[in-house]
Amino acid sequence: MPDSKVQPISENTIAQAMSYSAYRKMINDLLEEGKTTGPKQSNGMTEYTQKNVERMNRLDQQTALNSSLKEKLDAIEEPWIWLVLTEGWCGDAAQNIPVLNKMAEASSQIDLKMILRDEHHAIIDEYLTNGGRSIPKLVCLHADTLEGIGSWGPRPGDFQQKAMAWKDDPDLSKKQWDEKLHQWYRDDSSQTIQDDFEQLIEEWRKV
């Protein structure tokens, strides 16, 4: 994060943010119009968004939280807001946000909210990844003050480094890179993101 102490997340931001179900409905409504989220529109991005809907549907049905993570979620003692910056065309968002939603559903203290990155550059620019506006990005906030507690994203564990190394591999096409990316998520079955949040919840409870 930059050194600036500016807090770009306001009560108005939270009031206008979407629930997970509203986010999913928005994406489906846009697809019916042949569109996706964000200012850049193309047939390719719309088709990829449709694939993301299929991924999210699968994860909604198949994701099961580990008992150790459930214990950490049960131990949260104050209300938090998990504000997630995302876009419907983002493959990493489709692979991770349904798991975040499962976590939020398992805790009475977590309110999961979604906003679109390209409508909130002032916020994402406070949470850059290696200088880029990578998503999904989750920001954990004290619900009463909206003060930041911590952040997570865009990918679980050390997968960010692996994914970028694959991306820099001249022998891999963009399509091959994308296939490797989503194969990793399938093989991992959300275990790495769950491990991440077991550790993060412990850290965030101390803030």
N, C-alpha and C. Protein backbone atom coordinates (compact mmCIF):
# COMPACT_ATOMS: atom_id res chain seq x y z
N MET A 1 0.83 -1.20 0.00
CA MET A 1 0.00 0.00 0.00
C MET A 1 0.87 1.25 0.00
N PRO A 2 0.39 2.36 -0.56
CA PRO A 2 1.13 3.61 -0.50
C PRO A 2 1.10 4.18 0.90
N ASP A 3 1.96 5.19 1.13
CA ASP A 3 2.07 5.78 2.46
C ASP A 3 0.89 6.67 2.80
N SER A 4 0.12 7.08 1.80
CA SER A 4 -0.99 8.00 2.04
C SER A 4 -1.95 7.46 3.09
N LYS A 5 -2.42 8.35 3.95
CA LYS A 5 -3.37 7.97 4.99
C LYS A 5 -4.82 8.21 4.54
N VAL A 6 -5.00 8.61 3.28
CA VAL A 6 -6.33 8.86 2.78
C VAL A 6 -7.15 7.58 2.84
N GLN A 7 -8.36 7.68 3.36
CA GLN A 7 -9.25 6.53 3.43
C GLN A 7 -10.34 6.70 2.38
N PRO A 8 -10.23 6.01 1.23
CA PRO A 8 -11.18 6.22 0.14
C PRO A 8 -12.48 5.44 0.31
N ILE A 9 -12.58 4.59 1.31
CA ILE A 9 -13.78 3.79 1.49
C ILE A 9 -14.71 4.51 2.46
N SER A 10 -15.83 5.00 1.93
CA SER A 10 -16.76 5.81 2.71
C SER A 10 -18.02 5.02 3.01
N GLU A 11 -18.86 5.60 3.86
CA GLU A 11 -20.17 4.99 4.13
C GLU A 11 -20.99 4.90 2.85
N ASN A 12 -20.83 5.87 1.97
CA ASN A 12 -21.55 5.85 0.70
C ASN A 12 -21.10 4.69 -0.18
N THR A 13 -19.78 4.42 -0.16
CA THR A 13 -19.25 3.27 -0.90
C THR A 13 -19.91 1.99 -0.44
N ILE A 14 -19.98 1.80 0.88
CA ILE A 14 -20.56 0.58 1.44
C ILE A 14 -22.05 0.51 1.13
N ALA A 15 -22.74 1.64 1.22
CA ALA A 15 -24.18 1.66 0.97
C ALA A 15 -24.51 1.25 -0.47
N GLN A 16 -23.63 1.61 -1.39
CA GLN A 16 -23.87 1.31 -2.80
C GLN A 16 -23.29 -0.04 -3.23
N ALA A 17 -22.52 -0.69 -2.36
CA ALA A 17 -21.91 -1.98 -2.70
C ALA A 17 -22.98 -3.06 -2.80
N MET A 18 -22.64 -4.13 -3.52
CA MET A 18 -23.59 -5.21 -3.78
C MET A 18 -23.33 -6.41 -2.87
N SER A 19 -24.39 -7.12 -2.56
CA SER A 19 -24.25 -8.44 -1.95
C SER A 19 -23.75 -9.41 -3.03
N TYR A 20 -23.33 -10.59 -2.62
CA TYR A 20 -22.89 -11.60 -3.58
C TYR A 20 -24.03 -11.96 -4.53
N SER A 21 -25.23 -12.15 -4.01
CA SER A 21 -26.36 -12.52 -4.87
C SER A 21 -26.68 -11.40 -5.86
N ALA A 22 -26.58 -10.14 -5.42
CA ALA A 22 -26.84 -9.02 -6.33
C ALA A 22 -25.76 -8.93 -7.40
N TYR A 23 -24.52 -9.22 -7.02
CA TYR A 23 -23.41 -9.24 -7.98
C TYR A 23 -23.64 -10.31 -9.05
N ARG A 24 -24.04 -11.49 -8.60
CA ARG A 24 -24.32 -12.57 -9.55
C ARG A 24 -25.47 -12.20 -10.48
N LYS A 25 -26.52 -11.58 -9.95
CA LYS A 25 -27.66 -11.18 -10.77
C LYS A 25 -27.26 -10.13 -11.78
N MET A 26 -26.45 -9.17 -11.38
CA MET A 26 -25.99 -8.14 -12.29
C MET A 26 -25.24 -8.75 -13.47
N ILE A 27 -24.35 -9.71 -13.19
CA ILE A 27 -23.60 -10.35 -14.26
C ILE A 27 -24.54 -11.09 -15.20
N ASN A 28 -25.48 -11.83 -14.65
CA ASN A 28 -26.44 -12.56 -15.49
C ASN A 28 -27.28 -11.61 -16.35
N ASP A 29 -27.71 -10.49 -15.76
CA ASP A 29 -28.50 -9.52 -16.51
C ASP A 29 -27.70 -8.92 -17.65
N LEU A 30 -26.43 -8.62 -17.40
CA LEU A 30 -25.58 -8.07 -18.45
C LEU A 30 -25.36 -9.09 -19.56
N LEU A 31 -25.16 -10.35 -19.19
CA LEU A 31 -24.95 -11.39 -20.21
C LEU A 31 -26.16 -11.53 -21.12
N GLU A 32 -27.36 -11.35 -20.57
CA GLU A 32 -28.57 -11.42 -21.40
C GLU A 32 -28.58 -10.32 -22.46
N GLU A 33 -27.85 -9.23 -22.18
CA GLU A 33 -27.74 -8.13 -23.13
C GLU A 33 -26.49 -8.28 -24.01
N GLY A 34 -25.75 -9.38 -23.83
CA GLY A 34 -24.52 -9.58 -24.58
C GLY A 34 -23.38 -8.74 -24.07
N LYS A 35 -23.40 -8.41 -22.79
CA LYS A 35 -22.39 -7.53 -22.20
C LYS A 35 -21.74 -8.18 -20.98
N THR A 36 -20.68 -7.53 -20.51
CA THR A 36 -20.06 -7.87 -19.24
C THR A 36 -19.85 -6.58 -18.47
N THR A 37 -19.18 -6.65 -17.32
CA THR A 37 -18.93 -5.44 -16.55
C THR A 37 -17.75 -4.67 -17.13
N GLY A 38 -17.66 -3.40 -16.78
CA GLY A 38 -16.52 -2.59 -17.18
C GLY A 38 -16.71 -1.87 -18.49
N PRO A 39 -15.81 -0.92 -18.76
CA PRO A 39 -15.95 -0.08 -19.95
C PRO A 39 -15.55 -0.78 -21.25
N LYS A 40 -14.73 -1.82 -21.16
CA LYS A 40 -14.27 -2.51 -22.36
C LYS A 40 -15.19 -3.70 -22.64
N GLN A 41 -15.78 -3.69 -23.82
CA GLN A 41 -16.72 -4.74 -24.20
C GLN A 41 -16.26 -5.43 -25.48
N SER A 42 -16.37 -6.76 -25.49
CA SER A 42 -16.06 -7.53 -26.70
C SER A 42 -16.74 -8.88 -26.59
N ASN A 43 -16.89 -9.55 -27.72
CA ASN A 43 -17.47 -10.88 -27.70
C ASN A 43 -16.63 -11.84 -26.86
N GLY A 44 -15.31 -11.68 -26.97
CA GLY A 44 -14.42 -12.54 -26.21
C GLY A 44 -14.59 -12.37 -24.72
N MET A 45 -14.72 -11.14 -24.26
CA MET A 45 -14.89 -10.90 -22.83
C MET A 45 -16.25 -11.38 -22.34
N THR A 46 -17.26 -11.25 -23.19
CA THR A 46 -18.58 -11.75 -22.82
C THR A 46 -18.57 -13.27 -22.71
N GLU A 47 -17.93 -13.94 -23.66
CA GLU A 47 -17.84 -15.40 -23.61
C GLU A 47 -17.06 -15.85 -22.37
N TYR A 48 -16.01 -15.12 -22.03
CA TYR A 48 -15.22 -15.49 -20.85
C TYR A 48 -16.04 -15.27 -19.58
N THR A 49 -16.86 -14.23 -19.57
CA THR A 49 -17.73 -13.99 -18.43
C THR A 49 -18.73 -15.13 -18.25
N GLN A 50 -19.23 -15.66 -19.37
CA GLN A 50 -20.14 -16.81 -19.30
C GLN A 50 -19.44 -18.02 -18.69
N LYS A 51 -18.18 -18.23 -19.05
CA LYS A 51 -17.41 -19.31 -18.43
C LYS A 51 -17.26 -19.08 -16.93
N ASN A 52 -17.07 -17.82 -16.56
CA ASN A 52 -16.93 -17.49 -15.14
C ASN A 52 -18.21 -17.78 -14.36
N VAL A 53 -19.35 -17.55 -14.99
CA VAL A 53 -20.62 -17.88 -14.34
C VAL A 53 -20.69 -19.38 -14.08
N GLU A 54 -20.26 -20.17 -15.06
CA GLU A 54 -20.24 -21.62 -14.88
C GLU A 54 -19.29 -22.02 -13.75
N ARG A 55 -18.14 -21.35 -13.67
CA ARG A 55 -17.20 -21.63 -12.58
C ARG A 55 -17.81 -21.28 -11.22
N MET A 56 -18.45 -20.13 -11.15
CA MET A 56 -19.05 -19.73 -9.88
C MET A 56 -20.19 -20.65 -9.48
N ASN A 57 -20.99 -21.07 -10.46
CA ASN A 57 -22.07 -22.02 -10.17
C ASN A 57 -21.51 -23.31 -9.57
N ARG A 58 -20.43 -23.80 -10.16
CA ARG A 58 -19.82 -25.03 -9.68
C ARG A 58 -19.29 -24.85 -8.26
N LEU A 59 -18.60 -23.75 -8.02
CA LEU A 59 -18.03 -23.52 -6.70
C LEU A 59 -19.10 -23.28 -5.65
N ASP A 60 -20.18 -22.61 -6.03
CA ASP A 60 -21.30 -22.43 -5.10
C ASP A 60 -21.81 -23.78 -4.60
N GLN A 61 -21.82 -24.75 -5.49
CA GLN A 61 -22.36 -26.06 -5.15
C GLN A 61 -21.34 -26.96 -4.44
N GLN A 62 -20.06 -26.84 -4.81
CA GLN A 62 -19.08 -27.82 -4.39
C GLN A 62 -18.17 -27.38 -3.24
N THR A 63 -18.09 -26.09 -2.98
CA THR A 63 -17.13 -25.64 -1.96
C THR A 63 -17.59 -26.03 -0.56
N ALA A 64 -16.69 -26.67 0.16
CA ALA A 64 -16.93 -27.02 1.57
C ALA A 64 -15.78 -26.46 2.40
N LEU A 65 -16.11 -25.76 3.46
CA LEU A 65 -15.08 -25.16 4.31
C LEU A 65 -14.50 -26.19 5.26
N ASN A 66 -13.19 -26.11 5.48
CA ASN A 66 -12.52 -26.98 6.44
C ASN A 66 -13.00 -26.66 7.86
N SER A 67 -13.05 -27.66 8.70
CA SER A 67 -13.52 -27.46 10.07
C SER A 67 -12.63 -26.48 10.83
N SER A 68 -11.32 -26.50 10.55
CA SER A 68 -10.41 -25.58 11.24
C SER A 68 -10.69 -24.13 10.85
N LEU A 69 -11.06 -23.90 9.59
CA LEU A 69 -11.41 -22.55 9.16
C LEU A 69 -12.73 -22.13 9.79
N LYS A 70 -13.69 -23.03 9.87
CA LYS A 70 -14.96 -22.71 10.52
C LYS A 70 -14.74 -22.27 11.97
N GLU A 71 -13.81 -22.91 12.64
CA GLU A 71 -13.51 -22.53 14.02
C GLU A 71 -12.96 -21.11 14.09
N LYS A 72 -12.09 -20.77 13.14
CA LYS A 72 -11.54 -19.41 13.10
C LYS A 72 -12.65 -18.39 12.83
N LEU A 73 -13.54 -18.73 11.93
CA LEU A 73 -14.65 -17.83 11.60
C LEU A 73 -15.58 -17.66 12.81
N ASP A 74 -15.81 -18.72 13.54
CA ASP A 74 -16.66 -18.66 14.73
C ASP A 74 -16.05 -17.80 15.82
N ALA A 75 -14.72 -17.66 15.81
CA ALA A 75 -14.03 -16.94 16.87
C ALA A 75 -13.99 -15.42 16.65
N ILE A 76 -14.46 -14.96 15.49
CA ILE A 76 -14.47 -13.51 15.23
C ILE A 76 -15.47 -12.86 16.18
N GLU A 77 -15.02 -11.83 16.88
CA GLU A 77 -15.82 -11.26 17.97
C GLU A 77 -16.42 -9.90 17.66
N GLU A 78 -16.08 -9.31 16.53
CA GLU A 78 -16.62 -8.00 16.17
C GLU A 78 -17.05 -8.01 14.71
N PRO A 79 -17.98 -7.14 14.34
CA PRO A 79 -18.44 -7.13 12.94
C PRO A 79 -17.40 -6.56 11.98
N TRP A 80 -17.19 -7.28 10.92
CA TRP A 80 -16.29 -6.86 9.84
C TRP A 80 -17.08 -6.71 8.56
N ILE A 81 -16.57 -5.84 7.70
CA ILE A 81 -17.01 -5.78 6.31
C ILE A 81 -15.88 -6.29 5.45
N TRP A 82 -16.19 -7.25 4.60
CA TRP A 82 -15.24 -7.69 3.58
C TRP A 82 -15.67 -7.06 2.27
N LEU A 83 -14.93 -6.04 1.85
CA LEU A 83 -15.24 -5.33 0.62
C LEU A 83 -14.34 -5.88 -0.49
N VAL A 84 -14.96 -6.42 -1.53
CA VAL A 84 -14.21 -7.07 -2.61
C VAL A 84 -14.33 -6.26 -3.89
N LEU A 85 -13.19 -5.90 -4.46
CA LEU A 85 -13.15 -5.27 -5.77
C LEU A 85 -13.02 -6.35 -6.82
N THR A 86 -13.87 -6.29 -7.83
CA THR A 86 -13.96 -7.39 -8.78
C THR A 86 -14.48 -6.88 -10.11
N GLU A 87 -14.53 -7.77 -11.10
CA GLU A 87 -15.20 -7.55 -12.38
C GLU A 87 -15.69 -8.91 -12.87
N GLY A 88 -16.78 -8.91 -13.60
CA GLY A 88 -17.38 -10.16 -14.05
C GLY A 88 -16.52 -10.96 -15.00
N TRP A 89 -15.63 -10.28 -15.74
CA TRP A 89 -14.79 -10.97 -16.72
C TRP A 89 -13.53 -11.57 -16.11
N CYS A 90 -13.27 -11.33 -14.83
CA CYS A 90 -12.02 -11.76 -14.20
C CYS A 90 -12.09 -13.23 -13.78
N GLY A 91 -11.24 -14.06 -14.36
CA GLY A 91 -11.22 -15.47 -14.05
C GLY A 91 -10.82 -15.76 -12.62
N ASP A 92 -9.83 -15.03 -12.10
CA ASP A 92 -9.42 -15.24 -10.70
C ASP A 92 -10.54 -14.87 -9.75
N ALA A 93 -11.29 -13.83 -10.06
CA ALA A 93 -12.43 -13.46 -9.22
C ALA A 93 -13.45 -14.58 -9.18
N ALA A 94 -13.73 -15.17 -10.34
CA ALA A 94 -14.71 -16.25 -10.39
C ALA A 94 -14.27 -17.46 -9.58
N GLN A 95 -12.96 -17.69 -9.50
CA GLN A 95 -12.45 -18.85 -8.77
C GLN A 95 -12.39 -18.61 -7.26
N ASN A 96 -12.35 -17.37 -6.82
CA ASN A 96 -12.13 -17.09 -5.40
C ASN A 96 -13.33 -16.51 -4.67
N ILE A 97 -14.13 -15.68 -5.34
CA ILE A 97 -15.22 -15.00 -4.65
C ILE A 97 -16.28 -15.96 -4.11
N PRO A 98 -16.65 -17.03 -4.83
CA PRO A 98 -17.61 -17.96 -4.22
C PRO A 98 -17.10 -18.57 -2.91
N VAL A 99 -15.81 -18.78 -2.80
CA VAL A 99 -15.23 -19.31 -1.56
C VAL A 99 -15.30 -18.25 -0.46
N LEU A 100 -15.02 -17.01 -0.80
CA LEU A 100 -15.16 -15.92 0.17
C LEU A 100 -16.60 -15.81 0.65
N ASN A 101 -17.53 -16.02 -0.27
CA ASN A 101 -18.94 -15.96 0.11
C ASN A 101 -19.29 -17.08 1.09
N LYS A 102 -18.76 -18.26 0.87
CA LYS A 102 -18.99 -19.37 1.79
C LYS A 102 -18.47 -19.02 3.19
N MET A 103 -17.32 -18.36 3.25
CA MET A 103 -16.77 -17.95 4.54
C MET A 103 -17.68 -16.94 5.22
N ALA A 104 -18.14 -15.97 4.46
CA ALA A 104 -19.01 -14.94 5.02
C ALA A 104 -20.32 -15.54 5.51
N GLU A 105 -20.85 -16.50 4.76
CA GLU A 105 -22.08 -17.15 5.18
C GLU A 105 -21.90 -17.94 6.48
N ALA A 106 -20.67 -18.38 6.74
CA ALA A 106 -20.39 -19.19 7.93
C ALA A 106 -20.16 -18.35 9.17
N SER A 107 -20.11 -17.02 9.02
CA SER A 107 -19.85 -16.14 10.16
C SER A 107 -20.93 -15.07 10.27
N SER A 108 -21.48 -14.92 11.46
CA SER A 108 -22.47 -13.87 11.68
C SER A 108 -21.82 -12.49 11.75
N GLN A 109 -20.49 -12.45 11.79
CA GLN A 109 -19.79 -11.18 11.96
C GLN A 109 -19.27 -10.59 10.64
N ILE A 110 -19.40 -11.31 9.55
CA ILE A 110 -18.83 -10.85 8.28
C ILE A 110 -19.93 -10.45 7.31
N ASP A 111 -19.83 -9.23 6.80
CA ASP A 111 -20.74 -8.73 5.78
C ASP A 111 -19.96 -8.59 4.49
N LEU A 112 -20.21 -9.47 3.53
CA LEU A 112 -19.49 -9.46 2.26
C LEU A 112 -20.15 -8.48 1.30
N LYS A 113 -19.34 -7.57 0.76
CA LYS A 113 -19.83 -6.56 -0.17
C LYS A 113 -18.94 -6.55 -1.41
N MET A 114 -19.55 -6.27 -2.57
CA MET A 114 -18.83 -6.26 -3.83
C MET A 114 -18.95 -4.89 -4.51
N ILE A 115 -17.82 -4.43 -5.06
CA ILE A 115 -17.84 -3.24 -5.90
C ILE A 115 -17.00 -3.53 -7.14
N LEU A 116 -17.27 -2.82 -8.22
CA LEU A 116 -16.54 -3.03 -9.46
C LEU A 116 -15.28 -2.18 -9.48
N ARG A 117 -14.18 -2.82 -9.79
CA ARG A 117 -12.88 -2.14 -9.79
C ARG A 117 -12.88 -0.90 -10.67
N ASP A 118 -13.43 -1.02 -11.88
CA ASP A 118 -13.30 0.08 -12.83
C ASP A 118 -14.24 1.23 -12.55
N GLU A 119 -15.06 1.09 -11.50
CA GLU A 119 -15.85 2.21 -11.02
C GLU A 119 -15.26 2.80 -9.74
N HIS A 120 -14.16 2.23 -9.26
CA HIS A 120 -13.59 2.66 -7.98
C HIS A 120 -12.06 2.64 -8.02
N HIS A 121 -11.50 3.39 -8.97
CA HIS A 121 -10.05 3.42 -9.10
C HIS A 121 -9.36 4.00 -7.88
N ALA A 122 -10.01 4.94 -7.19
CA ALA A 122 -9.38 5.54 -6.01
C ALA A 122 -9.16 4.50 -4.92
N ILE A 123 -10.05 3.51 -4.87
CA ILE A 123 -9.91 2.46 -3.85
C ILE A 123 -8.88 1.44 -4.27
N ILE A 124 -8.99 0.89 -5.48
CA ILE A 124 -8.04 -0.13 -5.90
C ILE A 124 -6.62 0.42 -5.92
N ASP A 125 -6.47 1.72 -6.17
CA ASP A 125 -5.13 2.29 -6.21
C ASP A 125 -4.48 2.37 -4.83
N GLU A 126 -5.25 2.15 -3.77
CA GLU A 126 -4.69 2.03 -2.43
C GLU A 126 -4.23 0.59 -2.14
N TYR A 127 -4.59 -0.34 -3.03
CA TYR A 127 -4.32 -1.75 -2.78
C TYR A 127 -3.74 -2.41 -4.04
N LEU A 128 -2.73 -1.78 -4.62
CA LEU A 128 -2.14 -2.31 -5.84
C LEU A 128 -1.30 -3.55 -5.57
N THR A 129 -1.16 -4.38 -6.59
CA THR A 129 -0.32 -5.56 -6.53
C THR A 129 0.82 -5.38 -7.53
N ASN A 130 2.02 -5.19 -7.02
CA ASN A 130 3.18 -4.94 -7.89
C ASN A 130 2.90 -3.80 -8.86
N GLY A 131 2.19 -2.77 -8.37
CA GLY A 131 1.90 -1.60 -9.17
C GLY A 131 0.68 -1.73 -10.07
N GLY A 132 0.02 -2.89 -10.07
CA GLY A 132 -1.11 -3.11 -10.95
C GLY A 132 -2.42 -3.22 -10.20
N ARG A 133 -3.51 -2.99 -10.91
CA ARG A 133 -4.86 -3.04 -10.32
C ARG A 133 -5.42 -4.46 -10.39
N SER A 134 -4.69 -5.40 -9.84
CA SER A 134 -5.08 -6.81 -9.92
C SER A 134 -6.28 -7.10 -9.03
N ILE A 135 -7.17 -7.96 -9.53
CA ILE A 135 -8.36 -8.36 -8.79
C ILE A 135 -8.52 -9.87 -8.88
N PRO A 136 -9.27 -10.44 -7.94
CA PRO A 136 -10.04 -9.78 -6.87
C PRO A 136 -9.13 -9.27 -5.77
N LYS A 137 -9.57 -8.22 -5.12
CA LYS A 137 -8.88 -7.68 -3.95
C LYS A 137 -9.91 -7.50 -2.85
N LEU A 138 -9.67 -8.17 -1.73
CA LEU A 138 -10.55 -8.07 -0.57
C LEU A 138 -9.93 -7.13 0.45
N VAL A 139 -10.72 -6.19 0.94
CA VAL A 139 -10.31 -5.28 2.01
C VAL A 139 -11.18 -5.56 3.23
N CYS A 140 -10.54 -5.91 4.34
CA CYS A 140 -11.27 -6.17 5.58
C CYS A 140 -11.33 -4.88 6.40
N LEU A 141 -12.54 -4.51 6.81
CA LEU A 141 -12.77 -3.26 7.51
C LEU A 141 -13.49 -3.49 8.83
N HIS A 142 -13.18 -2.66 9.84
CA HIS A 142 -14.03 -2.61 11.03
C HIS A 142 -15.39 -2.05 10.59
N ALA A 143 -16.46 -2.75 10.86
CA ALA A 143 -17.77 -2.33 10.35
C ALA A 143 -18.22 -1.01 10.95
N ASP A 144 -17.81 -0.72 12.19
CA ASP A 144 -18.31 0.49 12.84
C ASP A 144 -17.58 1.75 12.40
N THR A 145 -16.30 1.63 12.06
CA THR A 145 -15.50 2.81 11.71
C THR A 145 -15.05 2.85 10.25
N LEU A 146 -15.13 1.72 9.56
CA LEU A 146 -14.61 1.54 8.20
C LEU A 146 -13.09 1.70 8.14
N GLU A 147 -12.43 1.58 9.28
CA GLU A 147 -10.97 1.58 9.29
C GLU A 147 -10.47 0.23 8.76
N GLY A 148 -9.39 0.30 7.97
CA GLY A 148 -8.86 -0.91 7.38
C GLY A 148 -8.18 -1.82 8.40
N ILE A 149 -8.40 -3.11 8.25
CA ILE A 149 -7.75 -4.12 9.09
C ILE A 149 -6.67 -4.84 8.30
N GLY A 150 -6.97 -5.17 7.06
CA GLY A 150 -6.01 -5.87 6.21
C GLY A 150 -6.61 -6.11 4.85
N SER A 151 -5.84 -6.76 3.99
CA SER A 151 -6.32 -7.05 2.64
C SER A 151 -5.80 -8.40 2.17
N TRP A 152 -6.43 -8.90 1.13
CA TRP A 152 -6.04 -10.17 0.52
C TRP A 152 -6.28 -10.08 -0.97
N GLY A 153 -5.45 -10.81 -1.72
CA GLY A 153 -5.66 -10.94 -3.15
C GLY A 153 -4.44 -10.50 -3.94
N PRO A 154 -4.46 -10.80 -5.24
CA PRO A 154 -5.57 -11.33 -6.03
C PRO A 154 -5.63 -12.87 -6.10
N ARG A 155 -4.56 -13.55 -5.65
CA ARG A 155 -4.53 -15.01 -5.75
C ARG A 155 -4.06 -15.61 -4.44
N PRO A 156 -4.43 -16.88 -4.19
CA PRO A 156 -4.08 -17.51 -2.92
C PRO A 156 -2.61 -17.87 -2.80
N GLY A 157 -2.12 -17.84 -1.55
CA GLY A 157 -0.79 -18.34 -1.24
C GLY A 157 0.29 -17.81 -2.15
N ASP A 158 1.15 -18.71 -2.63
CA ASP A 158 2.22 -18.30 -3.54
C ASP A 158 1.82 -18.46 -5.00
N PHE A 159 0.52 -18.64 -5.25
CA PHE A 159 0.07 -18.85 -6.62
C PHE A 159 0.25 -17.61 -7.47
N GLN A 160 0.23 -16.42 -6.87
CA GLN A 160 0.47 -15.20 -7.64
C GLN A 160 1.83 -15.28 -8.33
N GLN A 161 2.86 -15.71 -7.58
CA GLN A 161 4.20 -15.80 -8.16
C GLN A 161 4.25 -16.86 -9.26
N LYS A 162 3.59 -18.01 -9.03
CA LYS A 162 3.57 -19.06 -10.05
C LYS A 162 2.87 -18.58 -11.31
N ALA A 163 1.71 -17.94 -11.12
CA ALA A 163 0.93 -17.50 -12.28
C ALA A 163 1.70 -16.48 -13.11
N MET A 164 2.40 -15.57 -12.44
CA MET A 164 3.15 -14.56 -13.18
C MET A 164 4.37 -15.16 -13.86
N ALA A 165 4.97 -16.17 -13.24
CA ALA A 165 6.08 -16.86 -13.89
C ALA A 165 5.61 -17.57 -15.15
N TRP A 166 4.44 -18.20 -15.08
CA TRP A 166 3.88 -18.83 -16.28
C TRP A 166 3.59 -17.80 -17.36
N LYS A 167 3.09 -16.64 -16.91
CA LYS A 167 2.73 -15.59 -17.87
C LYS A 167 3.97 -15.08 -18.61
N ASP A 168 5.10 -15.08 -17.92
CA ASP A 168 6.35 -14.59 -18.52
C ASP A 168 7.07 -15.66 -19.34
N ASP A 169 6.54 -16.88 -19.34
CA ASP A 169 7.16 -17.98 -20.08
C ASP A 169 6.89 -17.81 -21.57
N PRO A 170 7.91 -17.58 -22.38
CA PRO A 170 7.68 -17.35 -23.81
C PRO A 170 7.15 -18.58 -24.54
N ASP A 171 7.27 -19.75 -23.94
CA ASP A 171 6.80 -20.97 -24.58
C ASP A 171 5.31 -21.23 -24.34
N LEU A 172 4.69 -20.41 -23.50
CA LEU A 172 3.27 -20.59 -23.22
C LEU A 172 2.46 -19.51 -23.94
N SER A 173 1.46 -19.93 -24.68
CA SER A 173 0.55 -18.97 -25.29
C SER A 173 -0.40 -18.44 -24.22
N LYS A 174 -1.13 -17.38 -24.55
CA LYS A 174 -2.10 -16.84 -23.61
C LYS A 174 -3.16 -17.89 -23.26
N LYS A 175 -3.58 -18.66 -24.27
CA LYS A 175 -4.57 -19.70 -24.03
C LYS A 175 -4.02 -20.78 -23.12
N GLN A 176 -2.77 -21.19 -23.34
CA GLN A 176 -2.15 -22.21 -22.50
C GLN A 176 -1.99 -21.71 -21.06
N TRP A 177 -1.62 -20.44 -20.92
CA TRP A 177 -1.49 -19.85 -19.58
C TRP A 177 -2.83 -19.88 -18.86
N ASP A 178 -3.87 -19.52 -19.57
CA ASP A 178 -5.20 -19.51 -18.97
C ASP A 178 -5.62 -20.92 -18.56
N GLU A 179 -5.31 -21.91 -19.38
CA GLU A 179 -5.65 -23.29 -19.05
C GLU A 179 -4.89 -23.76 -17.82
N LYS A 180 -3.60 -23.40 -17.71
CA LYS A 180 -2.81 -23.78 -16.53
C LYS A 180 -3.37 -23.10 -15.28
N LEU A 181 -3.77 -21.85 -15.43
CA LEU A 181 -4.31 -21.08 -14.31
C LEU A 181 -5.53 -21.79 -13.72
N HIS A 182 -6.47 -22.12 -14.57
CA HIS A 182 -7.72 -22.70 -14.08
C HIS A 182 -7.56 -24.17 -13.69
N GLN A 183 -6.59 -24.85 -14.29
CA GLN A 183 -6.30 -26.22 -13.85
C GLN A 183 -5.76 -26.20 -12.43
N TRP A 184 -4.92 -25.20 -12.12
CA TRP A 184 -4.40 -25.08 -10.75
C TRP A 184 -5.55 -24.92 -9.77
N TYR A 185 -6.49 -24.05 -10.08
CA TYR A 185 -7.63 -23.85 -9.19
C TYR A 185 -8.43 -25.14 -9.02
N ARG A 186 -8.65 -25.87 -10.11
CA ARG A 186 -9.40 -27.12 -10.00
C ARG A 186 -8.67 -28.12 -9.11
N ASP A 187 -7.37 -28.24 -9.31
CA ASP A 187 -6.59 -29.19 -8.52
C ASP A 187 -6.53 -28.79 -7.05
N ASP A 188 -6.48 -27.50 -6.79
CA ASP A 188 -6.33 -27.00 -5.42
C ASP A 188 -7.62 -27.12 -4.61
N SER A 189 -8.76 -27.06 -5.27
CA SER A 189 -10.07 -27.22 -4.62
C SER A 189 -10.25 -26.27 -3.43
N SER A 190 -9.78 -25.05 -3.58
CA SER A 190 -9.94 -23.95 -2.62
C SER A 190 -9.19 -24.16 -1.30
N GLN A 191 -8.28 -25.12 -1.26
CA GLN A 191 -7.56 -25.37 -0.01
C GLN A 191 -6.58 -24.24 0.34
N THR A 192 -5.91 -23.69 -0.68
CA THR A 192 -4.91 -22.65 -0.40
C THR A 192 -5.57 -21.37 0.10
N ILE A 193 -6.68 -20.97 -0.50
CA ILE A 193 -7.35 -19.76 -0.03
C ILE A 193 -7.88 -19.98 1.39
N GLN A 194 -8.33 -21.19 1.69
CA GLN A 194 -8.79 -21.46 3.05
C GLN A 194 -7.63 -21.39 4.04
N ASP A 195 -6.47 -21.90 3.65
CA ASP A 195 -5.28 -21.79 4.50
C ASP A 195 -4.92 -20.32 4.73
N ASP A 196 -4.99 -19.54 3.65
CA ASP A 196 -4.70 -18.10 3.76
C ASP A 196 -5.56 -17.46 4.85
N PHE A 197 -6.85 -17.75 4.81
CA PHE A 197 -7.77 -17.05 5.70
C PHE A 197 -7.73 -17.59 7.12
N GLU A 198 -7.32 -18.82 7.31
CA GLU A 198 -7.09 -19.27 8.68
C GLU A 198 -6.03 -18.39 9.34
N GLN A 199 -4.97 -18.11 8.61
CA GLN A 199 -3.90 -17.27 9.14
C GLN A 199 -4.32 -15.81 9.24
N LEU A 200 -4.99 -15.30 8.20
CA LEU A 200 -5.37 -13.89 8.19
C LEU A 200 -6.37 -13.56 9.29
N ILE A 201 -7.33 -14.43 9.52
CA ILE A 201 -8.32 -14.16 10.57
C ILE A 201 -7.63 -14.04 11.92
N GLU A 202 -6.66 -14.90 12.17
CA GLU A 202 -5.90 -14.80 13.42
C GLU A 202 -5.21 -13.45 13.52
N GLU A 203 -4.59 -13.02 12.43
CA GLU A 203 -3.88 -11.73 12.42
C GLU A 203 -4.86 -10.57 12.55
N TRP A 204 -5.95 -10.60 11.82
CA TRP A 204 -6.90 -9.48 11.79
C TRP A 204 -7.63 -9.31 13.12
N ARG A 205 -7.83 -10.39 13.85
CA ARG A 205 -8.50 -10.28 15.15
C ARG A 205 -7.68 -9.47 16.14
N LYS A 206 -6.39 -9.29 15.88
CA LYS A 206 -5.51 -8.55 16.79
C LYS A 206 -5.44 -7.07 16.44
N VAL A 207 -6.06 -6.69 15.31
CA VAL A 207 -5.97 -5.29 14.85
C VAL A 207 -7.13 -4.46 15.42
